[in-house]
Amino acid sequence: MAANAIDQTRRMLSLVTYLRERPGARVGDVARAFGISQDELISDLDVLPLCGTSFRGGDLLDIDTDGERIWWHNPDDVAEPLRLAADEATALLVAARAVSTLPGLRESDRLALLRATAKLEEAAGEAAGASSRLSVTFESEGGVFADVDRAISERRRLWIRYYSPARDQLTEREIDPIRLVSVGHTYVEAWCRRSEARRTFRLDRVAEIKVLDEPSAPPEVELRDLSAGLVQPAAEDPEVVVEVGPGGRWVAEYYPHDSADELPDGGLRITLRTPDPASLRRLALRLGRDGHIVSPQDLADSARRAAREALAAYDDAGTAGEAPGEAAGETYEDGRTVPGGQS
């Protein structure tokens, strides 16, 4: 089971102290000392050079590895007592107070954060007064993050209502969370009890969430390397070109793509790769007048045929006196019907 975000932060802070006292430490030895895999350690080491003693980007940790040993080249440069500028102290205090209000935060972590905040206020002096006049309110994703983090920590199952833009549909499902990941957006990787498969859910698309009393028991799965992106099409996968109007720009956000070029009408020409181009026929039906597949030609032709068949089925259902949504489509909560049940 992957550590949650707070546990990972604790580990990385400890890692800094550990490496300072052990120059040239072996990767294998450090990984064993922290109870993590070498891949997880290398992932932490990729993050540490982005950290330092200044919000302005100076005094970053110069840490690297040759795959066998770990070298910290500037430990003395960042070991001097930390002196915060007024804006840095203000930013830290505002952030600390905001995080302490997150729902689902473990009480021990909340108390530790409040103690650290009090010490920082004392050290900041007059700068602390300015920070008290500022506040941050988290949007819904913050609450979702806290509930997911809590469920991972306590090994409990989650119930969610999740919005899928490709289907324009809300679904309810129970999931066993595995880990939180950040790849552009924040996601929870989980075992979905509805599909009985591993799925990844974007936190800002979770409309409602509940931490259940049932224990979380995902099967053992190999954690994927997401450093190159959440979805990683292979170079040999067929290329598909889709043109969308302004109402279909969401496709560029939802589907990993090679390029998205602006069109004069405010739409996009999107180039993407997929091992199964035929699966994009559903996308074409979903888009309707908001877009179409340009190439490959056989896929574009099959999408047009599917659209014609869906419309014909819709017309036949109407002629037979049936409600269109009953025979020819799927009706959603807002009463809108998609021909042929395609969403």
C-alpha atoms as a PDB file:
ATOM      1  CA  MET A   1       0.000   0.000   0.000  1.00  0.00           C
ATOM      2  CA  ALA A   2       1.401   3.364  -1.004  1.00  0.00           C
ATOM      3  CA  ALA A   3       1.984   5.969   1.682  1.00  0.00           C
ATOM      4  CA  ASN A   4      -0.353   8.929   1.808  1.00  0.00           C
ATOM      5  CA  ALA A   5       0.802  12.470   1.047  1.00  0.00           C
ATOM      6  CA  ILE A   6       1.548  13.400   4.664  1.00  0.00           C
ATOM      7  CA  ASP A   7       3.585  10.228   5.272  1.00  0.00           C
ATOM      8  CA  GLN A   8       5.549  10.867   2.082  1.00  0.00           C
ATOM      9  CA  THR A   9       6.314  14.421   3.209  1.00  0.00           C
ATOM     10  CA  ARG A  10       7.553  13.116   6.576  1.00  0.00           C
ATOM     11  CA  ARG A  11       9.773  10.603   4.808  1.00  0.00           C
ATOM     12  CA  MET A  12      11.309  13.193   2.500  1.00  0.00           C
ATOM     13  CA  LEU A  13      12.070  15.520   5.403  1.00  0.00           C
ATOM     14  CA  SER A  14      13.786  12.643   7.202  1.00  0.00           C
ATOM     15  CA  LEU A  15      15.607  11.754   3.997  1.00  0.00           C
ATOM     16  CA  VAL A  16      17.278  15.173   3.905  1.00  0.00           C
ATOM     17  CA  THR A  17      18.730  14.669   7.404  1.00  0.00           C
ATOM     18  CA  TYR A  18      19.729  11.086   6.602  1.00  0.00           C
ATOM     19  CA  LEU A  19      21.610  12.057   3.434  1.00  0.00           C
ATOM     20  CA  ARG A  20      23.376  14.986   5.102  1.00  0.00           C
ATOM     21  CA  GLU A  21      24.901  12.612   7.641  1.00  0.00           C
ATOM     22  CA  ARG A  22      25.805   9.936   5.045  1.00  0.00           C
ATOM     23  CA  PRO A  23      27.517  11.437   1.982  1.00  0.00           C
ATOM     24  CA  GLY A  24      27.686   8.989  -0.909  1.00  0.00           C
ATOM     25  CA  ALA A  25      25.114   6.661   0.661  1.00  0.00           C
ATOM     26  CA  ARG A  26      24.185   3.639  -1.448  1.00  0.00           C
ATOM     27  CA  VAL A  27      20.742   3.696  -3.061  1.00  0.00           C
ATOM     28  CA  GLY A  28      19.931   0.170  -1.881  1.00  0.00           C
ATOM     29  CA  ASP A  29      20.933   0.915   1.722  1.00  0.00           C
ATOM     30  CA  VAL A  30      18.845   4.091   1.866  1.00  0.00           C
ATOM     31  CA  ALA A  31      15.797   2.366   0.367  1.00  0.00           C
ATOM     32  CA  ARG A  32      16.034  -0.443   2.945  1.00  0.00           C
ATOM     33  CA  ALA A  33      16.458   2.053   5.789  1.00  0.00           C
ATOM     34  CA  PHE A  34      13.217   3.804   4.815  1.00  0.00           C
ATOM     35  CA  GLY A  35      11.291   0.635   3.958  1.00  0.00           C
ATOM     36  CA  ILE A  36      10.614   1.656   0.353  1.00  0.00           C
ATOM     37  CA  SER A  37      11.579   0.370  -3.081  1.00  0.00           C
ATOM     38  CA  GLN A  38      14.525   1.818  -4.960  1.00  0.00           C
ATOM     39  CA  ASP A  39      12.100   3.192  -7.575  1.00  0.00           C
ATOM     40  CA  GLU A  40      10.207   5.066  -4.834  1.00  0.00           C
ATOM     41  CA  LEU A  41      13.479   6.436  -3.489  1.00  0.00           C
ATOM     42  CA  ILE A  42      14.561   7.636  -6.939  1.00  0.00           C
ATOM     43  CA  SER A  43      11.151   9.314  -7.295  1.00  0.00           C
ATOM     44  CA  ASP A  44      11.771  11.178  -4.010  1.00  0.00           C
ATOM     45  CA  LEU A  45      15.238  12.168  -5.190  1.00  0.00           C
ATOM     46  CA  ASP A  46      13.712  13.634  -8.354  1.00  0.00           C
ATOM     47  CA  VAL A  47      11.587  15.942  -6.170  1.00  0.00           C
ATOM     48  CA  LEU A  48      14.212  17.030  -3.642  1.00  0.00           C
ATOM     49  CA  PRO A  49      16.194  19.220  -6.099  1.00  0.00           C
ATOM     50  CA  LEU A  50      13.024  21.303  -6.456  1.00  0.00           C
ATOM     51  CA  CYS A  51      13.078  22.020  -2.703  1.00  0.00           C
ATOM     52  CA  GLY A  52      15.166  24.478  -0.780  1.00  0.00           C
ATOM     53  CA  THR A  53      15.219  27.264   1.763  1.00  0.00           C
ATOM     54  CA  SER A  54      13.642  30.015  -0.332  1.00  0.00           C
ATOM     55  CA  PHE A  55      10.256  30.402  -1.974  1.00  0.00           C
ATOM     56  CA  ARG A  56      12.007  32.498  -4.613  1.00  0.00           C
ATOM     57  CA  GLY A  57      13.856  29.502  -6.054  1.00  0.00           C
ATOM     58  CA  GLY A  58      17.330  30.065  -4.602  1.00  0.00           C
ATOM     59  CA  ASP A  59      19.309  27.728  -2.369  1.00  0.00           C
ATOM     60  CA  LEU A  60      17.813  24.556  -3.820  1.00  0.00           C
ATOM     61  CA  LEU A  61      19.074  21.145  -2.719  1.00  0.00           C
ATOM     62  CA  ASP A  62      21.765  19.985  -5.148  1.00  0.00           C
ATOM     63  CA  ILE A  63      21.170  16.246  -4.796  1.00  0.00           C
ATOM     64  CA  ASP A  64      21.708  13.652  -7.526  1.00  0.00           C
ATOM     65  CA  THR A  65      22.476   9.972  -7.965  1.00  0.00           C
ATOM     66  CA  ASP A  66      24.420   7.848 -10.415  1.00  0.00           C
ATOM     67  CA  GLY A  67      22.029   4.958  -9.766  1.00  0.00           C
ATOM     68  CA  GLU A  68      24.303   3.394  -7.166  1.00  0.00           C
ATOM     69  CA  ARG A  69      25.169   6.207  -4.759  1.00  0.00           C
ATOM     70  CA  ILE A  70      23.521   9.470  -3.722  1.00  0.00           C
ATOM     71  CA  TRP A  71      25.469  12.708  -3.609  1.00  0.00           C
ATOM     72  CA  TRP A  72      24.486  15.986  -1.947  1.00  0.00           C
ATOM     73  CA  HIS A  73      26.787  18.680  -3.284  1.00  0.00           C
ATOM     74  CA  ASN A  74      25.715  21.733  -1.265  1.00  0.00           C
ATOM     75  CA  PRO A  75      24.673  20.632   2.237  1.00  0.00           C
ATOM     76  CA  ASP A  76      26.570  23.494   3.904  1.00  0.00           C
ATOM     77  CA  ASP A  77      24.974  26.131   1.674  1.00  0.00           C
ATOM     78  CA  VAL A  78      21.462  25.282   2.851  1.00  0.00           C
ATOM     79  CA  ALA A  79      22.343  24.498   6.462  1.00  0.00           C
ATOM     80  CA  GLU A  80      22.475  28.108   7.651  1.00  0.00           C
ATOM     81  CA  PRO A  81      19.672  29.235   9.989  1.00  0.00           C
ATOM     82  CA  LEU A  82      16.534  29.975   7.983  1.00  0.00           C
ATOM     83  CA  ARG A  83      15.545  33.638   7.835  1.00  0.00           C
ATOM     84  CA  LEU A  84      12.203  34.277   6.222  1.00  0.00           C
ATOM     85  CA  ALA A  85      11.349  37.469   4.403  1.00  0.00           C
ATOM     86  CA  ALA A  86       8.008  39.065   5.258  1.00  0.00           C
ATOM     87  CA  ASP A  87       6.254  37.705   2.168  1.00  0.00           C
ATOM     88  CA  GLU A  88       7.640  34.213   2.763  1.00  0.00           C
ATOM     89  CA  ALA A  89       6.500  34.191   6.387  1.00  0.00           C
ATOM     90  CA  THR A  90       3.053  35.456   5.360  1.00  0.00           C
ATOM     91  CA  ALA A  91       2.674  32.777   2.683  1.00  0.00           C
ATOM     92  CA  LEU A  92       3.710  30.021   5.111  1.00  0.00           C
ATOM     93  CA  LEU A  93       1.347  31.169   7.832  1.00  0.00           C
ATOM     94  CA  VAL A  94      -1.637  31.554   5.516  1.00  0.00           C
ATOM     95  CA  ALA A  95      -1.005  28.124   4.006  1.00  0.00           C
ATOM     96  CA  ALA A  96      -0.535  26.479   7.407  1.00  0.00           C
ATOM     97  CA  ARG A  97      -3.778  27.933   8.789  1.00  0.00           C
ATOM     98  CA  ALA A  98      -5.659  26.849   5.655  1.00  0.00           C
ATOM     99  CA  VAL A  99      -4.329  23.276   5.759  1.00  0.00           C
ATOM    100  CA  SER A 100      -5.224  22.968   9.457  1.00  0.00           C
ATOM    101  CA  THR A 101      -8.910  23.461   8.547  1.00  0.00           C
ATOM    102  CA  LEU A 102      -9.021  20.635   6.003  1.00  0.00           C
ATOM    103  CA  PRO A 103     -11.733  18.067   6.805  1.00  0.00           C
ATOM    104  CA  GLY A 104     -10.366  14.582   7.335  1.00  0.00           C
ATOM    105  CA  LEU A 105      -6.975  15.738   8.565  1.00  0.00           C
ATOM    106  CA  ARG A 106      -5.743  13.443  11.314  1.00  0.00           C
ATOM    107  CA  GLU A 107      -5.975  15.149  14.703  1.00  0.00           C
ATOM    108  CA  SER A 108      -2.343  14.394  15.561  1.00  0.00           C
ATOM    109  CA  ASP A 109      -1.253  16.048  12.317  1.00  0.00           C
ATOM    110  CA  ARG A 110      -3.537  19.026  12.943  1.00  0.00           C
ATOM    111  CA  LEU A 111      -2.094  19.584  16.431  1.00  0.00           C
ATOM    112  CA  ALA A 112       1.477  19.271  15.134  1.00  0.00           C
ATOM    113  CA  LEU A 113       0.705  21.803  12.417  1.00  0.00           C
ATOM    114  CA  LEU A 114      -0.826  24.242  14.901  1.00  0.00           C
ATOM    115  CA  ARG A 115       2.242  23.973  17.156  1.00  0.00           C
ATOM    116  CA  ALA A 116       4.538  24.654  14.215  1.00  0.00           C
ATOM    117  CA  THR A 117       2.340  27.585  13.173  1.00  0.00           C
ATOM    118  CA  ALA A 118       2.563  29.108  16.655  1.00  0.00           C
ATOM    119  CA  LYS A 119       6.377  28.877  16.587  1.00  0.00           C
ATOM    120  CA  LEU A 120       6.449  30.432  13.138  1.00  0.00           C
ATOM    121  CA  GLU A 121       4.197  33.297  14.279  1.00  0.00           C
ATOM    122  CA  GLU A 122       6.560  34.003  17.157  1.00  0.00           C
ATOM    123  CA  ALA A 123       9.597  33.994  14.869  1.00  0.00           C
ATOM    124  CA  ALA A 124       7.880  36.081  12.169  1.00  0.00           C
ATOM    125  CA  GLY A 125       7.101  38.980  14.501  1.00  0.00           C
ATOM    126  CA  GLU A 126       5.343  41.808  12.646  1.00  0.00           C
ATOM    127  CA  ALA A 127       4.923  39.702   9.497  1.00  0.00           C
ATOM    128  CA  ALA A 128       2.548  37.437  11.403  1.00  0.00           C
ATOM    129  CA  GLY A 129       0.137  40.346  11.788  1.00  0.00           C
ATOM    130  CA  ALA A 130      -0.188  40.773   8.036  1.00  0.00           C
ATOM    131  CA  SER A 131      -0.913  37.078   7.553  1.00  0.00           C
ATOM    132  CA  SER A 132      -3.810  37.199  10.014  1.00  0.00           C
ATOM    133  CA  ARG A 133      -5.673  39.488   7.605  1.00  0.00           C
ATOM    134  CA  LEU A 134      -5.514  36.900   4.809  1.00  0.00           C
ATOM    135  CA  SER A 135      -7.347  33.615   4.466  1.00  0.00           C
ATOM    136  CA  VAL A 136      -7.709  30.781   1.967  1.00  0.00           C
ATOM    137  CA  THR A 137     -10.903  28.858   1.308  1.00  0.00           C
ATOM    138  CA  PHE A 138     -10.474  25.445  -0.281  1.00  0.00           C
ATOM    139  CA  GLU A 139     -12.763  24.441  -3.135  1.00  0.00           C
ATOM    140  CA  SER A 140     -14.426  21.050  -3.105  1.00  0.00           C
ATOM    141  CA  GLU A 141     -11.266  19.296  -4.336  1.00  0.00           C
ATOM    142  CA  GLY A 142      -9.561  20.126  -1.040  1.00  0.00           C
ATOM    143  CA  GLY A 143     -12.239  18.287   0.931  1.00  0.00           C
ATOM    144  CA  VAL A 144     -12.132  15.362  -1.483  1.00  0.00           C
ATOM    145  CA  PHE A 145      -8.344  15.185  -1.149  1.00  0.00           C
ATOM    146  CA  ALA A 146      -8.620  15.101   2.640  1.00  0.00           C
ATOM    147  CA  ASP A 147     -11.214  12.312   2.584  1.00  0.00           C
ATOM    148  CA  VAL A 148      -9.153  10.242   0.133  1.00  0.00           C
ATOM    149  CA  ASP A 149      -5.984  10.793   2.162  1.00  0.00           C
ATOM    150  CA  ARG A 150      -7.828   9.766   5.314  1.00  0.00           C
ATOM    151  CA  ALA A 151      -9.264   6.648   3.650  1.00  0.00           C
ATOM    152  CA  ILE A 152      -5.792   5.596   2.479  1.00  0.00           C
ATOM    153  CA  SER A 153      -4.334   6.175   5.944  1.00  0.00           C
ATOM    154  CA  GLU A 154      -7.140   4.294   7.724  1.00  0.00           C
ATOM    155  CA  ARG A 155      -7.511   1.674   4.959  1.00  0.00           C
ATOM    156  CA  ARG A 156     -11.197   2.309   4.449  1.00  0.00           C
ATOM    157  CA  ARG A 157     -13.421   2.089   1.396  1.00  0.00           C
ATOM    158  CA  LEU A 158     -14.872   5.153  -0.332  1.00  0.00           C
ATOM    159  CA  TRP A 159     -18.237   5.826  -1.963  1.00  0.00           C
ATOM    160  CA  ILE A 160     -18.160   8.453  -4.702  1.00  0.00           C
ATOM    161  CA  ARG A 161     -20.418  10.102  -7.258  1.00  0.00           C
ATOM    162  CA  TYR A 162     -18.164  10.708 -10.232  1.00  0.00           C
ATOM    163  CA  TYR A 163     -18.640  12.814 -13.353  1.00  0.00           C
ATOM    164  CA  SER A 164     -17.381  11.507 -16.690  1.00  0.00           C
ATOM    165  CA  PRO A 165     -17.093  14.262 -19.334  1.00  0.00           C
ATOM    166  CA  ALA A 166     -16.833  11.733 -22.173  1.00  0.00           C
ATOM    167  CA  ARG A 167     -20.252  10.337 -21.217  1.00  0.00           C
ATOM    168  CA  ASP A 168     -21.594  13.496 -19.614  1.00  0.00           C
ATOM    169  CA  GLN A 169     -22.816  11.238 -16.823  1.00  0.00           C
ATOM    170  CA  LEU A 170     -22.665  10.917 -13.039  1.00  0.00           C
ATOM    171  CA  THR A 171     -22.108   7.400 -11.714  1.00  0.00           C
ATOM    172  CA  GLU A 172     -22.035   6.013  -8.184  1.00  0.00           C
ATOM    173  CA  ARG A 173     -19.403   3.505  -7.190  1.00  0.00           C
ATOM    174  CA  GLU A 174     -17.405   2.145  -4.269  1.00  0.00           C
ATOM    175  CA  ILE A 175     -13.631   2.192  -4.553  1.00  0.00           C
ATOM    176  CA  ASP A 176     -10.681   0.932  -2.529  1.00  0.00           C
ATOM    177  CA  PRO A 177      -8.110   3.772  -2.769  1.00  0.00           C
ATOM    178  CA  ILE A 178      -4.506   2.814  -3.490  1.00  0.00           C
ATOM    179  CA  ARG A 179      -2.656   6.136  -3.769  1.00  0.00           C
ATOM    180  CA  LEU A 180      -2.931   9.810  -4.610  1.00  0.00           C
ATOM    181  CA  VAL A 181      -1.018  10.991  -7.669  1.00  0.00           C
ATOM    182  CA  SER A 182      -0.484  14.391  -9.246  1.00  0.00           C
ATOM    183  CA  VAL A 183      -0.033  14.531 -13.009  1.00  0.00           C
ATOM    184  CA  GLY A 184      -1.236  17.970 -14.050  1.00  0.00           C
ATOM    185  CA  HIS A 185      -4.323  17.363 -11.904  1.00  0.00           C
ATOM    186  CA  THR A 186      -4.679  15.339  -8.700  1.00  0.00           C
ATOM    187  CA  TYR A 187      -6.017  11.802  -9.049  1.00  0.00           C
ATOM    188  CA  VAL A 188      -6.770   8.835  -6.814  1.00  0.00           C
ATOM    189  CA  GLU A 189      -5.730   5.473  -8.172  1.00  0.00           C
ATOM    190  CA  ALA A 190      -8.118   2.865  -6.797  1.00  0.00           C
ATOM    191  CA  TRP A 191      -9.686  -0.554  -7.229  1.00  0.00           C
ATOM    192  CA  CYS A 192     -13.219   0.058  -8.500  1.00  0.00           C
ATOM    193  CA  ARG A 193     -15.730  -2.432  -7.070  1.00  0.00           C
ATOM    194  CA  ARG A 194     -18.218  -1.637  -9.837  1.00  0.00           C
ATOM    195  CA  SER A 195     -15.905  -2.526 -12.734  1.00  0.00           C
ATOM    196  CA  GLU A 196     -13.694  -4.939 -10.730  1.00  0.00           C
ATOM    197  CA  ALA A 197     -10.614  -3.276 -12.170  1.00  0.00           C
ATOM    198  CA  ARG A 198      -8.045  -0.618 -11.374  1.00  0.00           C
ATOM    199  CA  ARG A 199      -9.295   2.863 -12.253  1.00  0.00           C
ATOM    200  CA  THR A 200      -7.995   6.426 -11.867  1.00  0.00           C
ATOM    201  CA  PHE A 201     -10.379   9.213 -10.774  1.00  0.00           C
ATOM    202  CA  ARG A 202      -9.699  12.941 -11.055  1.00  0.00           C
ATOM    203  CA  LEU A 203     -10.499  14.636  -7.747  1.00  0.00           C
ATOM    204  CA  ASP A 204     -12.162  17.730  -9.201  1.00  0.00           C
ATOM    205  CA  ARG A 205     -14.686  15.445 -10.945  1.00  0.00           C
ATOM    206  CA  VAL A 206     -15.820  13.829  -7.690  1.00  0.00           C
ATOM    207  CA  ALA A 207     -19.240  15.370  -7.045  1.00  0.00           C
ATOM    208  CA  GLU A 208     -19.767  13.667  -3.668  1.00  0.00           C
ATOM    209  CA  ILE A 209     -17.651  11.439  -1.422  1.00  0.00           C
ATOM    210  CA  LYS A 210     -18.114   9.406   1.760  1.00  0.00           C
ATOM    211  CA  VAL A 211     -15.591   7.450   3.833  1.00  0.00           C
ATOM    212  CA  LEU A 212     -17.248   4.093   4.558  1.00  0.00           C
ATOM    213  CA  ASP A 213     -16.847   1.807   7.552  1.00  0.00           C
ATOM    214  CA  GLU A 214     -15.923  -1.137   5.305  1.00  0.00           C
ATOM    215  CA  PRO A 215     -12.196  -1.892   5.175  1.00  0.00           C
ATOM    216  CA  SER A 216     -10.369  -1.146   1.957  1.00  0.00           C
ATOM    217  CA  ALA A 217      -8.982  -4.336   0.440  1.00  0.00           C
ATOM    218  CA  PRO A 218      -7.627  -3.720  -3.060  1.00  0.00           C
ATOM    219  CA  PRO A 219      -5.868  -6.686  -4.670  1.00  0.00           C
ATOM    220  CA  GLU A 220      -2.108  -6.536  -4.957  1.00  0.00           C
ATOM    221  CA  VAL A 221      -1.322  -4.489  -8.058  1.00  0.00           C
ATOM    222  CA  GLU A 222       1.953  -3.263  -9.465  1.00  0.00           C
ATOM    223  CA  LEU A 223       2.151   0.509  -9.178  1.00  0.00           C
ATOM    224  CA  ARG A 224       2.601   2.158 -12.551  1.00  0.00           C
ATOM    225  CA  ASP A 225       5.288   4.716 -13.318  1.00  0.00           C
ATOM    226  CA  LEU A 226       3.296   7.872 -14.044  1.00  0.00           C
ATOM    227  CA  SER A 227       6.258  10.223 -14.458  1.00  0.00           C
ATOM    228  CA  ALA A 228       5.575  10.489 -18.207  1.00  0.00           C
ATOM    229  CA  GLY A 229       1.858  11.091 -17.782  1.00  0.00           C
ATOM    230  CA  LEU A 230      -1.297   9.381 -16.618  1.00  0.00           C
ATOM    231  CA  VAL A 231      -1.946   7.763 -19.991  1.00  0.00           C
ATOM    232  CA  GLN A 232       1.075   6.948 -22.089  1.00  0.00           C
ATOM    233  CA  PRO A 233       0.223   5.960 -25.682  1.00  0.00           C
ATOM    234  CA  ALA A 234       2.960   4.069 -27.470  1.00  0.00           C
ATOM    235  CA  ALA A 235       4.766   5.623 -30.421  1.00  0.00           C
ATOM    236  CA  GLU A 236       3.526   2.801 -32.660  1.00  0.00           C
ATOM    237  CA  ASP A 237      -0.148   3.405 -31.762  1.00  0.00           C
ATOM    238  CA  PRO A 238      -2.222   4.667 -34.731  1.00  0.00           C
ATOM    239  CA  GLU A 239      -2.626   8.431 -35.041  1.00  0.00           C
ATOM    240  CA  VAL A 240      -6.115   9.916 -35.033  1.00  0.00           C
ATOM    241  CA  VAL A 241      -7.009  13.521 -35.926  1.00  0.00           C
ATOM    242  CA  VAL A 242     -10.193  15.038 -34.515  1.00  0.00           C
ATOM    243  CA  GLU A 243     -11.561  18.509 -35.183  1.00  0.00           C
ATOM    244  CA  VAL A 244     -13.869  20.010 -32.570  1.00  0.00           C
ATOM    245  CA  GLY A 245     -15.784  23.260 -32.304  1.00  0.00           C
ATOM    246  CA  PRO A 246     -15.824  25.542 -29.240  1.00  0.00           C
ATOM    247  CA  GLY A 247     -18.267  23.190 -27.508  1.00  0.00           C
ATOM    248  CA  GLY A 248     -15.878  20.263 -27.881  1.00  0.00           C
ATOM    249  CA  ARG A 249     -12.710  21.809 -26.501  1.00  0.00           C
ATOM    250  CA  TRP A 250     -13.089  19.557 -23.439  1.00  0.00           C
ATOM    251  CA  VAL A 251     -11.689  16.711 -25.563  1.00  0.00           C
ATOM    252  CA  ALA A 252      -8.191  18.241 -25.335  1.00  0.00           C
ATOM    253  CA  GLU A 253      -8.453  18.217 -21.548  1.00  0.00           C
ATOM    254  CA  TYR A 254      -9.891  14.728 -21.220  1.00  0.00           C
ATOM    255  CA  TYR A 255      -7.870  12.804 -23.841  1.00  0.00           C
ATOM    256  CA  PRO A 256      -4.026  12.679 -23.813  1.00  0.00           C
ATOM    257  CA  HIS A 257      -2.889  14.100 -27.142  1.00  0.00           C
ATOM    258  CA  ASP A 258       0.202  14.964 -29.176  1.00  0.00           C
ATOM    259  CA  SER A 259      -1.031  18.386 -30.278  1.00  0.00           C
ATOM    260  CA  ALA A 260      -4.054  20.690 -30.122  1.00  0.00           C
ATOM    261  CA  ASP A 261      -3.974  23.455 -32.712  1.00  0.00           C
ATOM    262  CA  GLU A 262      -6.372  26.398 -32.634  1.00  0.00           C
ATOM    263  CA  LEU A 263      -8.953  26.686 -35.442  1.00  0.00           C
ATOM    264  CA  PRO A 264     -10.392  29.985 -36.731  1.00  0.00           C
ATOM    265  CA  ASP A 265     -13.856  29.261 -35.307  1.00  0.00           C
ATOM    266  CA  GLY A 266     -12.511  28.838 -31.755  1.00  0.00           C
ATOM    267  CA  GLY A 267     -12.293  25.067 -32.003  1.00  0.00           C
ATOM    268  CA  LEU A 268      -9.286  22.734 -31.989  1.00  0.00           C
ATOM    269  CA  ARG A 269      -7.597  20.292 -34.340  1.00  0.00           C
ATOM    270  CA  ILE A 270      -6.442  17.526 -31.977  1.00  0.00           C
ATOM    271  CA  THR A 271      -3.923  14.811 -32.843  1.00  0.00           C
ATOM    272  CA  LEU A 272      -3.792  11.809 -30.523  1.00  0.00           C
ATOM    273  CA  ARG A 273      -2.675   8.189 -30.462  1.00  0.00           C
ATOM    274  CA  THR A 274      -4.625   5.164 -29.275  1.00  0.00           C
ATOM    275  CA  PRO A 275      -4.093   1.395 -29.555  1.00  0.00           C
ATOM    276  CA  ASP A 276      -7.818   1.032 -30.366  1.00  0.00           C
ATOM    277  CA  PRO A 277      -8.979   3.777 -32.774  1.00  0.00           C
ATOM    278  CA  ALA A 278     -12.402   2.140 -33.105  1.00  0.00           C
ATOM    279  CA  SER A 279     -13.091   3.082 -29.480  1.00  0.00           C
ATOM    280  CA  LEU A 280     -13.212   6.729 -30.597  1.00  0.00           C
ATOM    281  CA  ARG A 281     -16.481   6.159 -32.463  1.00  0.00           C
ATOM    282  CA  ARG A 282     -18.178   6.708 -29.120  1.00  0.00           C
ATOM    283  CA  LEU A 283     -16.399  10.054 -28.884  1.00  0.00           C
ATOM    284  CA  ALA A 284     -17.656  11.045 -32.330  1.00  0.00           C
ATOM    285  CA  LEU A 285     -21.257  10.232 -31.356  1.00  0.00           C
ATOM    286  CA  ARG A 286     -20.828  12.137 -28.099  1.00  0.00           C
ATOM    287  CA  LEU A 287     -19.585  15.212 -29.927  1.00  0.00           C
ATOM    288  CA  GLY A 288     -22.426  15.350 -32.477  1.00  0.00           C
ATOM    289  CA  ARG A 289     -22.246  18.715 -34.247  1.00  0.00           C
ATOM    290  CA  ASP A 290     -19.411  19.817 -31.951  1.00  0.00           C
ATOM    291  CA  GLY A 291     -16.806  17.761 -33.766  1.00  0.00           C
ATOM    292  CA  HIS A 292     -15.832  14.973 -36.134  1.00  0.00           C
ATOM    293  CA  ILE A 293     -13.000  12.542 -36.871  1.00  0.00           C
ATOM    294  CA  VAL A 294     -10.791  13.714 -39.743  1.00  0.00           C
ATOM    295  CA  SER A 295      -8.444  10.732 -40.104  1.00  0.00           C
ATOM    296  CA  PRO A 296      -7.840   7.897 -40.570  1.00  0.00           C
ATOM    297  CA  GLN A 297     -10.470   7.864 -43.298  1.00  0.00           C
ATOM    298  CA  ASP A 298     -11.871   4.407 -42.483  1.00  0.00           C
ATOM    299  CA  LEU A 299     -12.471   5.452 -38.871  1.00  0.00           C
ATOM    300  CA  ALA A 300     -14.138   8.688 -40.005  1.00  0.00           C
ATOM    301  CA  ASP A 301     -16.400   6.711 -42.361  1.00  0.00           C
ATOM    302  CA  SER A 302     -17.350   4.171 -39.682  1.00  0.00           C
ATOM    303  CA  ALA A 303     -18.166   6.979 -37.245  1.00  0.00           C
ATOM    304  CA  ARG A 304     -20.500   8.560 -39.822  1.00  0.00           C
ATOM    305  CA  ARG A 305     -22.186   5.193 -40.414  1.00  0.00           C
ATOM    306  CA  ALA A 306     -22.657   4.701 -36.676  1.00  0.00           C
ATOM    307  CA  ALA A 307     -24.220   8.173 -36.423  1.00  0.00           C
ATOM    308  CA  ARG A 308     -26.608   7.458 -39.325  1.00  0.00           C
ATOM    309  CA  GLU A 309     -27.627   4.112 -37.777  1.00  0.00           C
ATOM    310  CA  ALA A 310     -28.234   5.785 -34.421  1.00  0.00           C
ATOM    311  CA  LEU A 311     -30.418   8.457 -36.031  1.00  0.00           C
ATOM    312  CA  ALA A 312     -32.330   5.819 -38.014  1.00  0.00           C
ATOM    313  CA  ALA A 313     -32.984   3.874 -34.807  1.00  0.00           C
ATOM    314  CA  TYR A 314     -34.135   7.076 -33.172  1.00  0.00           C
ATOM    315  CA  ASP A 315     -36.550   7.804 -36.049  1.00  0.00           C
ATOM    316  CA  ASP A 316     -37.919   4.237 -36.008  1.00  0.00           C
ATOM    317  CA  ALA A 317     -38.568   4.449 -32.284  1.00  0.00           C
ATOM    318  CA  GLY A 318     -40.424   7.733 -32.719  1.00  0.00           C
ATOM    319  CA  THR A 319     -42.546   6.276 -35.539  1.00  0.00           C
ATOM    320  CA  ALA A 320     -43.521   3.330 -33.351  1.00  0.00           C
ATOM    321  CA  GLY A 321     -44.853   5.733 -30.757  1.00  0.00           C
ATOM    322  CA  GLU A 322     -42.231   4.960 -28.159  1.00  0.00           C
ATOM    323  CA  ALA A 323     -40.575   7.604 -26.055  1.00  0.00           C
ATOM    324  CA  PRO A 324     -37.216   8.216 -27.772  1.00  0.00           C
ATOM    325  CA  GLY A 325     -35.301   7.732 -24.557  1.00  0.00           C
ATOM    326  CA  GLU A 326     -36.837   4.287 -23.995  1.00  0.00           C
ATOM    327  CA  ALA A 327     -35.733   2.551 -27.192  1.00  0.00           C
ATOM    328  CA  ALA A 328     -33.188   4.707 -28.936  1.00  0.00           C
ATOM    329  CA  GLY A 329     -31.175   6.356 -26.256  1.00  0.00           C
ATOM    330  CA  GLU A 330     -30.151   6.751 -22.685  1.00  0.00           C
ATOM    331  CA  THR A 331     -31.855   9.468 -20.651  1.00  0.00           C
ATOM    332  CA  TYR A 332     -29.797  11.250 -18.012  1.00  0.00           C
ATOM    333  CA  GLU A 333     -30.827  13.159 -14.924  1.00  0.00           C
ATOM    334  CA  ASP A 334     -31.251  16.394 -16.865  1.00  0.00           C
ATOM    335  CA  GLY A 335     -33.734  14.725 -19.259  1.00  0.00           C
ATOM    336  CA  ARG A 336     -31.397  14.870 -22.282  1.00  0.00           C
ATOM    337  CA  THR A 337     -31.264  11.759 -24.490  1.00  0.00           C
ATOM    338  CA  VAL A 338     -28.245  10.488 -26.425  1.00  0.00           C
ATOM    339  CA  PRO A 339     -29.120   8.476 -29.577  1.00  0.00           C
ATOM    340  CA  GLY A 340     -28.372   4.784 -29.477  1.00  0.00           C
ATOM    341  CA  GLY A 341     -27.412   4.828 -25.825  1.00  0.00           C
ATOM    342  CA  GLN A 342     -24.004   6.327 -26.670  1.00  0.00           C
ATOM    343  CA  SER A 343     -22.747   8.694 -24.012  1.00  0.00           C
END
